[in-house]
C-alpha atoms as a PDB file:
ATOM      1  CA  UNK A   1       3.154  13.440   7.017  1.00  0.00           C
ATOM      2  CA  UNK A   2       0.841  10.480   7.654  1.00  0.00           C
ATOM      3  CA  UNK A   3       0.466   7.042   6.168  1.00  0.00           C
ATOM      4  CA  UNK A   4       0.572   3.336   6.486  1.00  0.00           C
ATOM      5  CA  UNK A   5       3.009   0.453   6.492  1.00  0.00           C
ATOM      6  CA  UNK A   6       1.309  -2.774   5.409  1.00  0.00           C
ATOM      7  CA  UNK A   7       2.437  -6.383   5.217  1.00  0.00           C
ATOM      8  CA  UNK A   8       0.949  -8.538   2.488  1.00  0.00           C
ATOM      9  CA  UNK A   9       0.849 -12.329   2.244  1.00  0.00           C
ATOM     10  CA  UNK A  10       0.831 -12.981  -1.505  1.00  0.00           C
ATOM     11  CA  UNK A  11      -0.845 -16.066  -2.951  1.00  0.00           C
ATOM     12  CA  UNK A  12       1.577 -18.417  -4.631  1.00  0.00           C
ATOM     13  CA  UNK A  13       2.067 -17.461  -8.267  1.00  0.00           C
ATOM     14  CA  UNK A  14       0.333 -14.068  -7.936  1.00  0.00           C
ATOM     15  CA  UNK A  15       3.257 -11.742  -7.220  1.00  0.00           C
ATOM     16  CA  UNK A  16       3.735 -10.560 -10.825  1.00  0.00           C
ATOM     17  CA  UNK A  17       0.070  -9.822 -11.369  1.00  0.00           C
ATOM     18  CA  UNK A  18      -0.180  -8.070  -8.025  1.00  0.00           C
ATOM     19  CA  UNK A  19       2.833  -5.828  -8.658  1.00  0.00           C
ATOM     20  CA  UNK A  20       1.567  -4.967 -12.144  1.00  0.00           C
ATOM     21  CA  UNK A  21      -1.835  -4.019 -10.723  1.00  0.00           C
ATOM     22  CA  UNK A  22      -0.316  -1.863  -8.011  1.00  0.00           C
ATOM     23  CA  UNK A  23       2.164  -0.197 -10.419  1.00  0.00           C
ATOM     24  CA  UNK A  24      -0.739   0.855 -12.699  1.00  0.00           C
ATOM     25  CA  UNK A  25      -2.616   2.666  -9.908  1.00  0.00           C
ATOM     26  CA  UNK A  26      -2.699   6.468 -10.096  1.00  0.00           C
ATOM     27  CA  UNK A  27      -1.464   8.398  -7.088  1.00  0.00           C
ATOM     28  CA  UNK A  28      -4.427   9.984  -5.228  1.00  0.00           C
ATOM     29  CA  UNK A  29      -4.535  13.605  -4.156  1.00  0.00           C
ATOM     30  CA  UNK A  30      -2.284  14.275  -1.170  1.00  0.00           C
ATOM     31  CA  UNK A  31      -0.059  11.268  -1.700  1.00  0.00           C
ATOM     32  CA  UNK A  32       3.673  12.059  -1.456  1.00  0.00           C
ATOM     33  CA  UNK A  33       4.959   8.629  -2.388  1.00  0.00           C
ATOM     34  CA  UNK A  34       4.725   4.872  -1.942  1.00  0.00           C
ATOM     35  CA  UNK A  35       7.016   1.822  -1.964  1.00  0.00           C
ATOM     36  CA  UNK A  36       6.728  -1.930  -2.029  1.00  0.00           C
ATOM     37  CA  UNK A  37       9.538  -4.055  -0.628  1.00  0.00           C
ATOM     38  CA  UNK A  38      10.208  -7.741  -1.098  1.00  0.00           C
ATOM     39  CA  UNK A  39      11.949  -8.817   2.092  1.00  0.00           C
ATOM     40  CA  UNK A  40      14.972 -11.145   1.805  1.00  0.00           C
ATOM     41  CA  UNK A  41      13.674 -13.726   4.243  1.00  0.00           C
ATOM     42  CA  UNK A  42      10.198 -14.536   2.867  1.00  0.00           C
ATOM     43  CA  UNK A  43       9.348 -15.013  -0.836  1.00  0.00           C
ATOM     44  CA  UNK A  44       5.601 -14.772  -0.287  1.00  0.00           C
ATOM     45  CA  UNK A  45       5.558 -11.509   1.693  1.00  0.00           C
ATOM     46  CA  UNK A  46       5.600  -7.948   0.416  1.00  0.00           C
ATOM     47  CA  UNK A  47       5.784  -4.848   2.617  1.00  0.00           C
ATOM     48  CA  UNK A  48       4.200  -1.616   1.450  1.00  0.00           C
ATOM     49  CA  UNK A  49       4.662   1.964   2.608  1.00  0.00           C
ATOM     50  CA  UNK A  50       2.260   4.798   1.704  1.00  0.00           C
ATOM     51  CA  UNK A  51       3.051   8.420   2.576  1.00  0.00           C
ATOM     52  CA  UNK A  52       0.454  11.193   2.488  1.00  0.00           C
ATOM     53  CA  UNK A  53       0.701  14.955   3.095  1.00  0.00           C
ATOM     54  CA  UNK A  54      -1.426  14.626   6.248  1.00  0.00           C
ATOM     55  CA  UNK A  55      -4.026  12.478   7.955  1.00  0.00           C
ATOM     56  CA  UNK A  56      -6.900  14.261   6.240  1.00  0.00           C
ATOM     57  CA  UNK A  57      -5.558  13.363   2.775  1.00  0.00           C
ATOM     58  CA  UNK A  58      -5.012   9.725   3.924  1.00  0.00           C
ATOM     59  CA  UNK A  59      -8.570   9.430   5.237  1.00  0.00           C
ATOM     60  CA  UNK A  60     -10.032  11.116   2.165  1.00  0.00           C
ATOM     61  CA  UNK A  61      -8.282   8.538  -0.018  1.00  0.00           C
ATOM     62  CA  UNK A  62      -9.415   5.663   2.177  1.00  0.00           C
ATOM     63  CA  UNK A  63     -13.028   6.799   1.748  1.00  0.00           C
ATOM     64  CA  UNK A  64     -12.893   7.060  -2.059  1.00  0.00           C
ATOM     65  CA  UNK A  65     -14.985   4.402  -3.885  1.00  0.00           C
ATOM     66  CA  UNK A  66     -12.115   4.011  -6.360  1.00  0.00           C
ATOM     67  CA  UNK A  67      -9.771   3.075  -3.515  1.00  0.00           C
ATOM     68  CA  UNK A  68     -12.151   0.368  -2.329  1.00  0.00           C
ATOM     69  CA  UNK A  69     -12.405  -0.998  -5.866  1.00  0.00           C
ATOM     70  CA  UNK A  70      -8.627  -1.111  -6.159  1.00  0.00           C
ATOM     71  CA  UNK A  71      -8.302  -2.769  -2.756  1.00  0.00           C
ATOM     72  CA  UNK A  72     -10.751  -5.506  -3.790  1.00  0.00           C
ATOM     73  CA  UNK A  73      -8.720  -6.233  -6.914  1.00  0.00           C
ATOM     74  CA  UNK A  74      -5.535  -6.393  -4.789  1.00  0.00           C
ATOM     75  CA  UNK A  75      -7.239  -8.804  -2.383  1.00  0.00           C
ATOM     76  CA  UNK A  76      -7.706 -11.286  -5.214  1.00  0.00           C
ATOM     77  CA  UNK A  77      -3.907 -11.810  -5.079  1.00  0.00           C
ATOM     78  CA  UNK A  78      -3.513 -12.001  -1.275  1.00  0.00           C
ATOM     79  CA  UNK A  79      -3.979 -14.953   1.056  1.00  0.00           C
ATOM     80  CA  UNK A  80      -5.345 -12.698   3.810  1.00  0.00           C
ATOM     81  CA  UNK A  81      -6.052  -9.026   4.463  1.00  0.00           C
ATOM     82  CA  UNK A  82      -2.849  -6.975   4.957  1.00  0.00           C
ATOM     83  CA  UNK A  83      -1.610  -6.227   8.427  1.00  0.00           C
ATOM     84  CA  UNK A  84      -1.815  -2.397   8.630  1.00  0.00           C
ATOM     85  CA  UNK A  85       0.081   0.033  10.811  1.00  0.00           C
ATOM     86  CA  UNK A  86      -1.236   3.619  10.354  1.00  0.00           C
ATOM     87  CA  UNK A  87       0.311   6.659  11.918  1.00  0.00           C
ATOM     88  CA  UNK A  88       2.173   9.938  11.682  1.00  0.00           C
ATOM     89  CA  UNK A  89       5.700   9.960  10.312  1.00  0.00           C
ATOM     90  CA  UNK A  90       7.552  11.934  12.915  1.00  0.00           C
ATOM     91  CA  UNK A  91      10.950  12.185  11.201  1.00  0.00           C
ATOM     92  CA  UNK A  92      12.162  11.698   7.643  1.00  0.00           C
ATOM     93  CA  UNK A  93      13.072  13.521   4.537  1.00  0.00           C
ATOM     94  CA  UNK A  94      11.877  13.583   0.934  1.00  0.00           C
ATOM     95  CA  UNK A  95      14.994  13.899  -1.198  1.00  0.00           C
END
């Protein structure tokens, strides 16, 4: 499995719209799952996790024009570009 963990700095007053936008997105081919966490210690941050079947599926999604369009809409609600950490998940279980 391959994917990304990303930290988002949400503009004040934009969290609801951002979460609604993200919730409406359709899962792309090869995606196994995704999550968004609101950490206890910071009201303006959100942490996302995306999990794909493999790196090829992840890269194919990243190169889709629809993904770029969705990302640009998400950026309207963020104070800065997310901090991305991409890599292979080396242990875990889908239950």
